Amino acid sequence: MLDLLRRKEGIRRIQIGLSGLAGVVLLVGLANIVVDNVRRDEAAVADAANDGSAANMAETIMPPEKPTEPLAELGVTPAPEASAPSVVQDLQPDPNLREPLDQPSPNPPQTTPPAPQGQ
């Protein structure tokens, strides 16, 4: 009985050790992939810089300027020059309305109670 418990404990320790070893191998492999990708990117930048053309060098060293108003270029917000208020025709009130719909009427209609019939 004692021998059986020792074997189970030994097998469990081996399983835990092998799982830990597999985890370490996996982490080292992922780190190796990341490092290789970084080295390839650095090599590509170095090759572009070594082409000898001034245009490629300038783009590599200094990226093109970013727009100052990206939302204005997309049409999401008005440009600073176009700060004049504009009127949207769809939002104008209907000229046929006699009273505003969002406010109570100043004089609510009076309802008279029905007259008693036949007394």
PDB file of N, CA and C in Angstrom:
ATOM      1  N   MET A   1       0.830  -1.188   0.000  1.00  0.00           N
ATOM      2  CA  MET A   1       0.000   0.000   0.000  1.00  0.00           C
ATOM      3  C   MET A   1       0.877   1.255   0.000  1.00  0.00           C
ATOM      4  N   LEU A   2       1.868   1.283   0.846  1.00  0.00           N
ATOM      5  CA  LEU A   2       2.780   2.414   0.918  1.00  0.00           C
ATOM      6  C   LEU A   2       3.556   2.552  -0.377  1.00  0.00           C
ATOM      7  N   ASP A   3       3.894   1.422  -0.961  1.00  0.00           N
ATOM      8  CA  ASP A   3       4.628   1.417  -2.233  1.00  0.00           C
ATOM      9  C   ASP A   3       3.762   1.996  -3.356  1.00  0.00           C
ATOM     10  N   LEU A   4       2.473   1.696  -3.327  1.00  0.00           N
ATOM     11  CA  LEU A   4       1.548   2.204  -4.341  1.00  0.00           C
ATOM     12  C   LEU A   4       1.402   3.718  -4.242  1.00  0.00           C
ATOM     13  N   LEU A   5       1.333   4.271  -3.025  1.00  0.00           N
ATOM     14  CA  LEU A   5       1.227   5.718  -2.827  1.00  0.00           C
ATOM     15  C   LEU A   5       2.484   6.432  -3.307  1.00  0.00           C
ATOM     16  N   ARG A   6       3.659   5.810  -3.056  1.00  0.00           N
ATOM     17  CA  ARG A   6       4.909   6.411  -3.510  1.00  0.00           C
ATOM     18  C   ARG A   6       4.970   6.465  -5.037  1.00  0.00           C
ATOM     19  N   ARG A   7       4.491   5.429  -5.688  1.00  0.00           N
ATOM     20  CA  ARG A   7       4.494   5.404  -7.161  1.00  0.00           C
ATOM     21  C   ARG A   7       3.560   6.487  -7.721  1.00  0.00           C
ATOM     22  N   LYS A   8       2.375   6.625  -7.142  1.00  0.00           N
ATOM     23  CA  LYS A   8       1.432   7.644  -7.608  1.00  0.00           C
ATOM     24  C   LYS A   8       2.019   9.040  -7.414  1.00  0.00           C
ATOM     25  N   GLU A   9       2.647   9.247  -6.267  1.00  0.00           N
ATOM     26  CA  GLU A   9       3.254  10.546  -6.009  1.00  0.00           C
ATOM     27  C   GLU A   9       4.403  10.806  -6.979  1.00  0.00           C
ATOM     28  N   GLY A  10       5.177   9.804  -7.272  1.00  0.00           N
ATOM     29  CA  GLY A  10       6.285   9.939  -8.218  1.00  0.00           C
ATOM     30  C   GLY A  10       5.786  10.247  -9.627  1.00  0.00           C
ATOM     31  N   ILE A  11       4.725   9.566 -10.042  1.00  0.00           N
ATOM     32  CA  ILE A  11       4.158   9.815 -11.377  1.00  0.00           C
ATOM     33  C   ILE A  11       3.598  11.228 -11.456  1.00  0.00           C
ATOM     34  N   ARG A  12       2.957  11.656 -10.387  1.00  0.00           N
ATOM     35  CA  ARG A  12       2.403  13.011 -10.376  1.00  0.00           C
ATOM     36  C   ARG A  12       3.515  14.055 -10.451  1.00  0.00           C
ATOM     37  N   ARG A  13       4.602  13.846  -9.741  1.00  0.00           N
ATOM     38  CA  ARG A  13       5.727  14.775  -9.798  1.00  0.00           C
ATOM     39  C   ARG A  13       6.343  14.809 -11.189  1.00  0.00           C
ATOM     40  N   ILE A  14       6.434  13.675 -11.824  1.00  0.00           N
ATOM     41  CA  ILE A  14       6.966  13.623 -13.200  1.00  0.00           C
ATOM     42  C   ILE A  14       6.047  14.392 -14.148  1.00  0.00           C
ATOM     43  N   GLN A  15       4.724  14.218 -14.002  1.00  0.00           N
ATOM     44  CA  GLN A  15       3.779  14.935 -14.853  1.00  0.00           C
ATOM     45  C   GLN A  15       3.906  16.446 -14.660  1.00  0.00           C
ATOM     46  N   ILE A  16       4.023  16.888 -13.427  1.00  0.00           N
ATOM     47  CA  ILE A  16       4.160  18.326 -13.152  1.00  0.00           C
ATOM     48  C   ILE A  16       5.465  18.843 -13.720  1.00  0.00           C
ATOM     49  N   GLY A  17       6.534  18.098 -13.564  1.00  0.00           N
ATOM     50  CA  GLY A  17       7.824  18.517 -14.101  1.00  0.00           C
ATOM     51  C   GLY A  17       7.814  18.612 -15.617  1.00  0.00           C
ATOM     52  N   LEU A  18       7.219  17.630 -16.274  1.00  0.00           N
ATOM     53  CA  LEU A  18       7.149  17.651 -17.741  1.00  0.00           C
ATOM     54  C   LEU A  18       6.257  18.799 -18.231  1.00  0.00           C
ATOM     55  N   SER A  19       5.173  19.096 -17.505  1.00  0.00           N
ATOM     56  CA  SER A  19       4.311  20.225 -17.886  1.00  0.00           C
ATOM     57  C   SER A  19       5.063  21.540 -17.758  1.00  0.00           C
ATOM     58  N   GLY A  20       5.826  21.688 -16.689  1.00  0.00           N
ATOM     59  CA  GLY A  20       6.625  22.899 -16.518  1.00  0.00           C
ATOM     60  C   GLY A  20       7.680  23.027 -17.597  1.00  0.00           C
ATOM     61  N   LEU A  21       8.328  21.922 -17.931  1.00  0.00           N
ATOM     62  CA  LEU A  21       9.345  21.930 -18.983  1.00  0.00           C
ATOM     63  C   LEU A  21       8.724  22.295 -20.331  1.00  0.00           C
ATOM     64  N   ALA A  22       7.552  21.763 -20.630  1.00  0.00           N
ATOM     65  CA  ALA A  22       6.870  22.097 -21.887  1.00  0.00           C
ATOM     66  C   ALA A  22       6.494  23.582 -21.909  1.00  0.00           C
ATOM     67  N   GLY A  23       6.068  24.127 -20.780  1.00  0.00           N
ATOM     68  CA  GLY A  23       5.738  25.549 -20.707  1.00  0.00           C
ATOM     69  C   GLY A  23       6.950  26.427 -20.961  1.00  0.00           C
ATOM     70  N   VAL A  24       8.092  26.065 -20.395  1.00  0.00           N
ATOM     71  CA  VAL A  24       9.314  26.840 -20.610  1.00  0.00           C
ATOM     72  C   VAL A  24       9.730  26.778 -22.071  1.00  0.00           C
ATOM     73  N   VAL A  25       9.667  25.594 -22.685  1.00  0.00           N
ATOM     74  CA  VAL A  25      10.024  25.452 -24.101  1.00  0.00           C
ATOM     75  C   VAL A  25       9.094  26.306 -24.969  1.00  0.00           C
ATOM     76  N   LEU A  26       7.825  26.343 -24.635  1.00  0.00           N
ATOM     77  CA  LEU A  26       6.871  27.150 -25.385  1.00  0.00           C
ATOM     78  C   LEU A  26       7.191  28.631 -25.255  1.00  0.00           C
ATOM     79  N   LEU A  27       7.489  29.106 -24.051  1.00  0.00           N
ATOM     80  CA  LEU A  27       7.835  30.513 -23.862  1.00  0.00           C
ATOM     81  C   LEU A  27       9.110  30.889 -24.607  1.00  0.00           C
ATOM     82  N   VAL A  28      10.108  30.026 -24.586  1.00  0.00           N
ATOM     83  CA  VAL A  28      11.359  30.304 -25.300  1.00  0.00           C
ATOM     84  C   VAL A  28      11.106  30.352 -26.804  1.00  0.00           C
ATOM     85  N   GLY A  29      10.265  29.472 -27.299  1.00  0.00           N
ATOM     86  CA  GLY A  29       9.934  29.478 -28.733  1.00  0.00           C
ATOM     87  C   GLY A  29       9.221  30.756 -29.137  1.00  0.00           C
ATOM     88  N   LEU A  30       8.258  31.207 -28.344  1.00  0.00           N
ATOM     89  CA  LEU A  30       7.547  32.454 -28.655  1.00  0.00           C
ATOM     90  C   LEU A  30       8.489  33.653 -28.605  1.00  0.00           C
ATOM     91  N   ALA A  31       9.393  33.686 -27.621  1.00  0.00           N
ATOM     92  CA  ALA A  31      10.350  34.778 -27.536  1.00  0.00           C
ATOM     93  C   ALA A  31      11.264  34.778 -28.755  1.00  0.00           C
ATOM     94  N   ASN A  32      11.656  33.608 -29.217  1.00  0.00           N
ATOM     95  CA  ASN A  32      12.505  33.497 -30.401  1.00  0.00           C
ATOM     96  C   ASN A  32      11.790  34.033 -31.640  1.00  0.00           C
ATOM     97  N   ILE A  33      10.524  33.751 -31.782  1.00  0.00           N
ATOM     98  CA  ILE A  33       9.746  34.256 -32.918  1.00  0.00           C
ATOM     99  C   ILE A  33       9.692  35.778 -32.886  1.00  0.00           C
ATOM    100  N   VAL A  34       9.441  36.352 -31.718  1.00  0.00           N
ATOM    101  CA  VAL A  34       9.361  37.810 -31.588  1.00  0.00           C
ATOM    102  C   VAL A  34      10.701  38.456 -31.929  1.00  0.00           C
ATOM    103  N   VAL A  35      11.799  37.893 -31.418  1.00  0.00           N
ATOM    104  CA  VAL A  35      13.120  38.455 -31.675  1.00  0.00           C
ATOM    105  C   VAL A  35      13.454  38.370 -33.165  1.00  0.00           C
ATOM    106  N   ASP A  36      13.109  37.273 -33.809  1.00  0.00           N
ATOM    107  CA  ASP A  36      13.363  37.139 -35.256  1.00  0.00           C
ATOM    108  C   ASP A  36      12.589  38.180 -36.057  1.00  0.00           C
ATOM    109  N   ASN A  37      11.336  38.441 -35.687  1.00  0.00           N
ATOM    110  CA  ASN A  37      10.542  39.450 -36.390  1.00  0.00           C
ATOM    111  C   ASN A  37      11.148  40.843 -36.230  1.00  0.00           C
ATOM    112  N   VAL A  38      11.640  41.149 -35.040  1.00  0.00           N
ATOM    113  CA  VAL A  38      12.252  42.453 -34.808  1.00  0.00           C
ATOM    114  C   VAL A  38      13.525  42.589 -35.640  1.00  0.00           C
ATOM    115  N   ARG A  39      14.325  41.534 -35.699  1.00  0.00           N
ATOM    116  CA  ARG A  39      15.560  41.569 -36.494  1.00  0.00           C
ATOM    117  C   ARG A  39      15.249  41.762 -37.978  1.00  0.00           C
ATOM    118  N   ARG A  40      14.208  41.105 -38.479  1.00  0.00           N
ATOM    119  CA  ARG A  40      13.833  41.272 -39.899  1.00  0.00           C
ATOM    120  C   ARG A  40      13.399  42.711 -40.187  1.00  0.00           C
ATOM    121  N   ASP A  41      12.613  43.289 -39.269  1.00  0.00           N
ATOM    122  CA  ASP A  41      12.171  44.671 -39.460  1.00  0.00           C
ATOM    123  C   ASP A  41      13.350  45.637 -39.447  1.00  0.00           C
ATOM    124  N   GLU A  42      14.293  45.424 -38.521  1.00  0.00           N
ATOM    125  CA  GLU A  42      15.473  46.279 -38.474  1.00  0.00           C
ATOM    126  C   GLU A  42      16.311  46.135 -39.728  1.00  0.00           C
ATOM    127  N   ALA A  43      16.416  44.927 -40.240  1.00  0.00           N
ATOM    128  CA  ALA A  43      17.186  44.694 -41.466  1.00  0.00           C
ATOM    129  C   ALA A  43      16.508  45.375 -42.655  1.00  0.00           C
ATOM    130  N   ALA A  44      15.180  45.359 -42.705  1.00  0.00           N
ATOM    131  CA  ALA A  44      14.462  46.002 -43.807  1.00  0.00           C
ATOM    132  C   ALA A  44      14.666  47.512 -43.756  1.00  0.00           C
ATOM    133  N   VAL A  45      14.654  48.092 -42.563  1.00  0.00           N
ATOM    134  CA  VAL A  45      14.876  49.531 -42.429  1.00  0.00           C
ATOM    135  C   VAL A  45      16.305  49.876 -42.823  1.00  0.00           C
ATOM    136  N   ALA A  46      17.256  49.060 -42.418  1.00  0.00           N
ATOM    137  CA  ALA A  46      18.653  49.311 -42.769  1.00  0.00           C
ATOM    138  C   ALA A  46      18.860  49.191 -44.272  1.00  0.00           C
ATOM    139  N   ASP A  47      18.213  48.224 -44.927  1.00  0.00           N
ATOM    140  CA  ASP A  47      18.329  48.085 -46.382  1.00  0.00           C
ATOM    141  C   ASP A  47      17.734  49.291 -47.095  1.00  0.00           C
ATOM    142  N   ALA A  48      16.614  49.778 -46.605  1.00  0.00           N
ATOM    143  CA  ALA A  48      15.992  50.947 -47.229  1.00  0.00           C
ATOM    144  C   ALA A  48      16.873  52.174 -47.055  1.00  0.00           C
ATOM    145  N   ALA A  49      17.552  52.286 -45.937  1.00  0.00           N
ATOM    146  CA  ALA A  49      18.427  53.431 -45.697  1.00  0.00           C
ATOM    147  C   ALA A  49      19.699  53.339 -46.527  1.00  0.00           C
ATOM    148  N   ASN A  50      20.125  52.134 -46.868  1.00  0.00           N
ATOM    149  CA  ASN A  50      21.355  51.942 -47.635  1.00  0.00           C
ATOM    150  C   ASN A  50      21.137  51.993 -49.136  1.00  0.00           C
ATOM    151  N   ASP A  51      19.921  52.257 -49.604  1.00  0.00           N
ATOM    152  CA  ASP A  51      19.653  52.326 -51.041  1.00  0.00           C
ATOM    153  C   ASP A  51      20.412  53.466 -51.694  1.00  0.00           C
ATOM    154  N   GLY A  52      20.671  54.511 -50.963  1.00  0.00           N
ATOM    155  CA  GLY A  52      21.417  55.634 -51.502  1.00  0.00           C
ATOM    156  C   GLY A  52      20.526  56.743 -52.021  1.00  0.00           C
ATOM    157  N   SER A  53      19.247  56.510 -52.181  1.00  0.00           N
ATOM    158  CA  SER A  53      18.378  57.570 -52.666  1.00  0.00           C
ATOM    159  C   SER A  53      17.970  58.461 -51.500  1.00  0.00           C
ATOM    160  N   ALA A  54      17.994  59.740 -51.723  1.00  0.00           N
ATOM    161  CA  ALA A  54      17.691  60.701 -50.663  1.00  0.00           C
ATOM    162  C   ALA A  54      16.224  60.617 -50.249  1.00  0.00           C
ATOM    163  N   ALA A  55      15.344  60.315 -51.196  1.00  0.00           N
ATOM    164  CA  ALA A  55      13.917  60.249 -50.871  1.00  0.00           C
ATOM    165  C   ALA A  55      13.639  59.103 -49.906  1.00  0.00           C
ATOM    166  N   ASN A  56      14.240  57.949 -50.169  1.00  0.00           N
ATOM    167  CA  ASN A  56      14.030  56.814 -49.264  1.00  0.00           C
ATOM    168  C   ASN A  56      14.612  57.101 -47.896  1.00  0.00           C
ATOM    169  N   MET A  57      15.780  57.757 -47.867  1.00  0.00           N
ATOM    170  CA  MET A  57      16.399  58.079 -46.585  1.00  0.00           C
ATOM    171  C   MET A  57      15.540  59.053 -45.796  1.00  0.00           C
ATOM    172  N   ALA A  58      15.016  60.048 -46.467  1.00  0.00           N
ATOM    173  CA  ALA A  58      14.202  61.052 -45.781  1.00  0.00           C
ATOM    174  C   ALA A  58      12.931  60.419 -45.212  1.00  0.00           C
ATOM    175  N   GLU A  59      12.304  59.520 -45.955  1.00  0.00           N
ATOM    176  CA  GLU A  59      11.091  58.876 -45.463  1.00  0.00           C
ATOM    177  C   GLU A  59      11.393  57.934 -44.312  1.00  0.00           C
ATOM    178  N   THR A  60      12.575  57.294 -44.363  1.00  0.00           N
ATOM    179  CA  THR A  60      12.932  56.376 -43.295  1.00  0.00           C
ATOM    180  C   THR A  60      13.245  57.134 -42.014  1.00  0.00           C
ATOM    181  N   ILE A  61      13.992  58.237 -42.165  1.00  0.00           N
ATOM    182  CA  ILE A  61      14.397  58.993 -40.982  1.00  0.00           C
ATOM    183  C   ILE A  61      13.231  59.809 -40.441  1.00  0.00           C
ATOM    184  N   MET A  62      12.537  60.538 -41.323  1.00  0.00           N
ATOM    185  CA  MET A  62      11.428  61.397 -40.894  1.00  0.00           C
ATOM    186  C   MET A  62      10.157  60.953 -41.614  1.00  0.00           C
ATOM    187  N   PRO A  63       9.195  60.431 -40.901  1.00  0.00           N
ATOM    188  CA  PRO A  63       7.944  60.048 -41.555  1.00  0.00           C
ATOM    189  C   PRO A  63       7.219  61.292 -42.057  1.00  0.00           C
ATOM    190  N   PRO A  64       6.320  61.119 -43.036  1.00  0.00           N
ATOM    191  CA  PRO A  64       5.580  62.276 -43.548  1.00  0.00           C
ATOM    192  C   PRO A  64       4.778  62.937 -42.427  1.00  0.00           C
ATOM    193  N   GLU A  65       4.585  64.247 -42.575  1.00  0.00           N
ATOM    194  CA  GLU A  65       3.865  64.991 -41.547  1.00  0.00           C
ATOM    195  C   GLU A  65       2.424  64.516 -41.439  1.00  0.00           C
ATOM    196  N   LYS A  66       1.961  64.454 -40.215  1.00  0.00           N
ATOM    197  CA  LYS A  66       0.583  64.053 -39.985  1.00  0.00           C
ATOM    198  C   LYS A  66      -0.303  65.283 -40.148  1.00  0.00           C
ATOM    199  N   PRO A  67      -1.512  65.111 -40.649  1.00  0.00           N
ATOM    200  CA  PRO A  67      -2.393  66.268 -40.803  1.00  0.00           C
ATOM    201  C   PRO A  67      -2.735  66.862 -39.441  1.00  0.00           C
ATOM    202  N   THR A  68      -2.910  68.172 -39.436  1.00  0.00           N
ATOM    203  CA  THR A  68      -3.213  68.837 -38.173  1.00  0.00           C
ATOM    204  C   THR A  68      -4.666  68.639 -37.759  1.00  0.00           C
ATOM    205  N   GLU A  69      -5.543  68.483 -38.705  1.00  0.00           N
ATOM    206  CA  GLU A  69      -6.967  68.288 -38.414  1.00  0.00           C
ATOM    207  C   GLU A  69      -7.466  67.032 -39.128  1.00  0.00           C
ATOM    208  N   PRO A  70      -7.170  65.846 -38.627  1.00  0.00           N
ATOM    209  CA  PRO A  70      -7.598  64.641 -39.334  1.00  0.00           C
ATOM    210  C   PRO A  70      -9.115  64.483 -39.375  1.00  0.00           C
ATOM    211  N   LEU A  71      -9.811  64.911 -38.341  1.00  0.00           N
ATOM    212  CA  LEU A  71     -11.269  64.781 -38.354  1.00  0.00           C
ATOM    213  C   LEU A  71     -11.897  65.736 -39.359  1.00  0.00           C
ATOM    214  N   ALA A  72     -11.295  66.912 -39.525  1.00  0.00           N
ATOM    215  CA  ALA A  72     -11.819  67.862 -40.506  1.00  0.00           C
ATOM    216  C   ALA A  72     -11.602  67.334 -41.917  1.00  0.00           C
ATOM    217  N   GLU A  73     -10.490  66.653 -42.141  1.00  0.00           N
ATOM    218  CA  GLU A  73     -10.246  66.080 -43.470  1.00  0.00           C
ATOM    219  C   GLU A  73     -11.244  64.984 -43.787  1.00  0.00           C
ATOM    220  N   LEU A  74     -11.693  64.255 -42.772  1.00  0.00           N
ATOM    221  CA  LEU A  74     -12.683  63.207 -42.990  1.00  0.00           C
ATOM    222  C   LEU A  74     -14.099  63.757 -43.086  1.00  0.00           C
ATOM    223  N   GLY A  75     -14.269  65.019 -42.721  1.00  0.00           N
ATOM    224  CA  GLY A  75     -15.589  65.626 -42.782  1.00  0.00           C
ATOM    225  C   GLY A  75     -16.409  65.403 -41.529  1.00  0.00           C
ATOM    226  N   VAL A  76     -15.769  64.970 -40.460  1.00  0.00           N
ATOM    227  CA  VAL A  76     -16.498  64.715 -39.221  1.00  0.00           C
ATOM    228  C   VAL A  76     -16.730  66.012 -38.465  1.00  0.00           C
ATOM    229  N   THR A  77     -15.741  66.886 -38.433  1.00  0.00           N
ATOM    230  CA  THR A  77     -15.875  68.172 -37.776  1.00  0.00           C
ATOM    231  C   THR A  77     -15.562  69.267 -38.778  1.00  0.00           C
ATOM    232  N   PRO A  78     -16.115  70.429 -38.599  1.00  0.00           N
ATOM    233  CA  PRO A  78     -15.826  71.504 -39.550  1.00  0.00           C
ATOM    234  C   PRO A  78     -14.389  71.981 -39.403  1.00  0.00           C
ATOM    235  N   ALA A  79     -13.835  72.416 -40.516  1.00  0.00           N
ATOM    236  CA  ALA A  79     -12.480  72.953 -40.500  1.00  0.00           C
ATOM    237  C   ALA A  79     -12.486  74.279 -39.742  1.00  0.00           C
ATOM    238  N   PRO A  80     -11.369  74.703 -39.168  1.00  0.00           N
ATOM    239  CA  PRO A  80     -11.342  75.956 -38.408  1.00  0.00           C
ATOM    240  C   PRO A  80     -11.715  77.172 -39.244  1.00  0.00           C
ATOM    241  N   GLU A  81     -11.418  77.176 -40.551  1.00  0.00           N
ATOM    242  CA  GLU A  81     -11.758  78.320 -41.398  1.00  0.00           C
ATOM    243  C   GLU A  81     -13.265  78.427 -41.606  1.00  0.00           C
ATOM    244  N   ALA A  82     -13.946  77.312 -41.642  1.00  0.00           N
ATOM    245  CA  ALA A  82     -15.381  77.296 -41.907  1.00  0.00           C
ATOM    246  C   ALA A  82     -16.150  77.328 -40.588  1.00  0.00           C
ATOM    247  N   SER A  83     -15.935  78.372 -39.803  1.00  0.00           N
ATOM    248  CA  SER A  83     -16.606  78.435 -38.504  1.00  0.00           C
ATOM    249  C   SER A  83     -17.941  79.170 -38.570  1.00  0.00           C
ATOM    250  N   ALA A  84     -18.367  79.589 -39.762  1.00  0.00           N
ATOM    251  CA  ALA A  84     -19.652  80.265 -39.891  1.00  0.00           C
ATOM    252  C   ALA A  84     -20.771  79.252 -39.650  1.00  0.00           C
ATOM    253  N   PRO A  85     -21.769  79.611 -38.847  1.00  0.00           N
ATOM    254  CA  PRO A  85     -22.844  78.654 -38.588  1.00  0.00           C
ATOM    255  C   PRO A  85     -23.669  78.409 -39.852  1.00  0.00           C
ATOM    256  N   SER A  86     -24.001  77.181 -40.045  1.00  0.00           N
ATOM    257  CA  SER A  86     -24.808  76.831 -41.205  1.00  0.00           C
ATOM    258  C   SER A  86     -26.190  76.390 -40.736  1.00  0.00           C
ATOM    259  N   VAL A  87     -27.181  76.606 -41.557  1.00  0.00           N
ATOM    260  CA  VAL A  87     -28.550  76.259 -41.227  1.00  0.00           C
ATOM    261  C   VAL A  87     -28.923  75.015 -42.013  1.00  0.00           C
ATOM    262  N   VAL A  88     -29.400  74.026 -41.307  1.00  0.00           N
ATOM    263  CA  VAL A  88     -29.835  72.805 -41.943  1.00  0.00           C
ATOM    264  C   VAL A  88     -31.326  72.949 -42.229  1.00  0.00           C
ATOM    265  N   GLN A  89     -31.687  72.852 -43.481  1.00  0.00           N
ATOM    266  CA  GLN A  89     -33.071  73.089 -43.879  1.00  0.00           C
ATOM    267  C   GLN A  89     -34.029  72.055 -43.294  1.00  0.00           C
ATOM    268  N   ASP A  90     -33.562  70.824 -43.105  1.00  0.00           N
ATOM    269  CA  ASP A  90     -34.454  69.795 -42.589  1.00  0.00           C
ATOM    270  C   ASP A  90     -34.864  70.058 -41.149  1.00  0.00           C
ATOM    271  N   LEU A  91     -34.105  70.852 -40.426  1.00  0.00           N
ATOM    272  CA  LEU A  91     -34.402  71.080 -39.023  1.00  0.00           C
ATOM    273  C   LEU A  91     -35.232  72.338 -38.778  1.00  0.00           C
ATOM    274  N   GLN A  92     -35.607  73.044 -39.821  1.00  0.00           N
ATOM    275  CA  GLN A  92     -36.449  74.224 -39.666  1.00  0.00           C
ATOM    276  C   GLN A  92     -37.869  73.774 -39.352  1.00  0.00           C
ATOM    277  N   PRO A  93     -38.574  74.526 -38.514  1.00  0.00           N
ATOM    278  CA  PRO A  93     -39.944  74.120 -38.182  1.00  0.00           C
ATOM    279  C   PRO A  93     -40.864  74.228 -39.396  1.00  0.00           C
ATOM    280  N   ASP A  94     -41.873  73.433 -39.368  1.00  0.00           N
ATOM    281  CA  ASP A  94     -42.866  73.438 -40.442  1.00  0.00           C
ATOM    282  C   ASP A  94     -43.667  74.737 -40.360  1.00  0.00           C
ATOM    283  N   PRO A  95     -43.748  75.503 -41.448  1.00  0.00           N
ATOM    284  CA  PRO A  95     -44.479  76.773 -41.383  1.00  0.00           C
ATOM    285  C   PRO A  95     -45.978  76.579 -41.168  1.00  0.00           C
ATOM    286  N   ASN A  96     -46.505  75.399 -41.399  1.00  0.00           N
ATOM    287  CA  ASN A  96     -47.939  75.160 -41.225  1.00  0.00           C
ATOM    288  C   ASN A  96     -48.311  74.867 -39.775  1.00  0.00           C
ATOM    289  N   LEU A  97     -47.322  74.670 -38.906  1.00  0.00           N
ATOM    290  CA  LEU A  97     -47.632  74.423 -37.495  1.00  0.00           C
ATOM    291  C   LEU A  97     -48.078  75.719 -36.839  1.00  0.00           C
ATOM    292  N   ARG A  98     -49.101  75.627 -36.014  1.00  0.00           N
ATOM    293  CA  ARG A  98     -49.612  76.824 -35.357  1.00  0.00           C
ATOM    294  C   ARG A  98     -49.051  76.978 -33.953  1.00  0.00           C
ATOM    295  N   GLU A  99     -48.616  75.883 -33.344  1.00  0.00           N
ATOM    296  CA  GLU A  99     -48.047  75.967 -32.008  1.00  0.00           C
ATOM    297  C   GLU A  99     -46.881  74.970 -31.928  1.00  0.00           C
ATOM    298  N   PRO A 100     -45.922  75.255 -31.099  1.00  0.00           N
ATOM    299  CA  PRO A 100     -44.785  74.338 -30.976  1.00  0.00           C
ATOM    300  C   PRO A 100     -45.228  73.014 -30.370  1.00  0.00           C
ATOM    301  N   LEU A 101     -44.593  71.952 -30.822  1.00  0.00           N
ATOM    302  CA  LEU A 101     -44.975  70.636 -30.325  1.00  0.00           C
ATOM    303  C   LEU A 101     -44.314  70.295 -29.002  1.00  0.00           C
ATOM    304  N   ASP A 102     -43.228  70.963 -28.662  1.00  0.00           N
ATOM    305  CA  ASP A 102     -42.519  70.614 -27.444  1.00  0.00           C
ATOM    306  C   ASP A 102     -42.914  71.481 -26.251  1.00  0.00           C
ATOM    307  N   GLN A 103     -43.855  72.405 -26.436  1.00  0.00           N
ATOM    308  CA  GLN A 103     -44.304  73.255 -25.335  1.00  0.00           C
ATOM    309  C   GLN A 103     -45.819  73.155 -25.237  1.00  0.00           C
ATOM    310  N   PRO A 104     -46.338  73.254 -24.023  1.00  0.00           N
ATOM    311  CA  PRO A 104     -47.805  73.210 -23.901  1.00  0.00           C
ATOM    312  C   PRO A 104     -48.413  74.487 -24.498  1.00  0.00           C
ATOM    313  N   SER A 105     -49.580  74.346 -25.031  1.00  0.00           N
ATOM    314  CA  SER A 105     -50.235  75.511 -25.630  1.00  0.00           C
ATOM    315  C   SER A 105     -50.609  76.498 -24.519  1.00  0.00           C
ATOM    316  N   PRO A 106     -50.529  77.792 -24.794  1.00  0.00           N
ATOM    317  CA  PRO A 106     -50.805  78.781 -23.753  1.00  0.00           C
ATOM    318  C   PRO A 106     -52.241  78.716 -23.246  1.00  0.00           C
ATOM    319  N   ASN A 107     -53.201  78.440 -24.103  1.00  0.00           N
ATOM    320  CA  ASN A 107     -54.596  78.352 -23.693  1.00  0.00           C
ATOM    321  C   ASN A 107     -55.116  76.962 -24.046  1.00  0.00           C
ATOM    322  N   PRO A 108     -55.093  76.046 -23.100  1.00  0.00           N
ATOM    323  CA  PRO A 108     -55.589  74.714 -23.441  1.00  0.00           C
ATOM    324  C   PRO A 108     -57.083  74.778 -23.763  1.00  0.00           C
ATOM    325  N   PRO A 109     -57.524  73.947 -24.675  1.00  0.00           N
ATOM    326  CA  PRO A 109     -58.957  73.982 -25.037  1.00  0.00           C
ATOM    327  C   PRO A 109     -59.822  73.592 -23.833  1.00  0.00           C
ATOM    328  N   GLN A 110     -60.912  74.346 -23.672  1.00  0.00           N
ATOM    329  CA  GLN A 110     -61.839  74.105 -22.568  1.00  0.00           C
ATOM    330  C   GLN A 110     -62.851  73.060 -23.006  1.00  0.00           C
ATOM    331  N   THR A 111     -62.990  72.066 -22.206  1.00  0.00           N
ATOM    332  CA  THR A 111     -64.025  71.040 -22.479  1.00  0.00           C
ATOM    333  C   THR A 111     -65.167  71.285 -21.503  1.00  0.00           C
ATOM    334  N   THR A 112     -66.343  71.324 -22.019  1.00  0.00           N
ATOM    335  CA  THR A 112     -67.511  71.535 -21.167  1.00  0.00           C
ATOM    336  C   THR A 112     -68.114  70.186 -20.841  1.00  0.00           C
ATOM    337  N   PRO A 113     -68.529  70.007 -19.604  1.00  0.00           N
ATOM    338  CA  PRO A 113     -69.138  68.720 -19.264  1.00  0.00           C
ATOM    339  C   PRO A 113     -70.477  68.590 -19.976  1.00  0.00           C
ATOM    340  N   PRO A 114     -70.836  67.383 -20.307  1.00  0.00           N
ATOM    341  CA  PRO A 114     -72.121  67.199 -20.997  1.00  0.00           C
ATOM    342  C   PRO A 114     -73.283  67.612 -20.102  1.00  0.00           C
ATOM    343  N   ALA A 115     -74.280  68.195 -20.752  1.00  0.00           N
ATOM    344  CA  ALA A 115     -75.458  68.677 -20.015  1.00  0.00           C
ATOM    345  C   ALA A 115     -76.263  67.467 -19.539  1.00  0.00           C
ATOM    346  N   PRO A 116     -76.822  67.563 -18.344  1.00  0.00           N
ATOM    347  CA  PRO A 116     -77.661  66.434 -17.859  1.00  0.00           C
ATOM    348  C   PRO A 116     -78.906  66.290 -18.738  1.00  0.00           C
ATOM    349  N   GLN A 117     -79.276  65.066 -18.974  1.00  0.00           N
ATOM    350  CA  GLN A 117     -80.397  64.820 -19.865  1.00  0.00           C
ATOM    351  C   GLN A 117     -81.628  64.384 -19.080  1.00  0.00           C
ATOM    352  N   GLY A 118     -82.696  64.882 -19.491  1.00  0.00           N
ATOM    353  CA  GLY A 118     -84.018  64.486 -19.061  1.00  0.00           C
ATOM    354  C   GLY A 118     -84.242  64.298 -17.578  1.00  0.00           C
ATOM    355  N   GLN A 119     -84.297  65.353 -16.878  1.00  0.00           N
ATOM    356  CA  GLN A 119     -84.631  65.191 -15.469  1.00  0.00           C
ATOM    357  C   GLN A 119     -86.034  65.419 -15.204  1.00  0.00           C
TER     358      GLN A 119
END
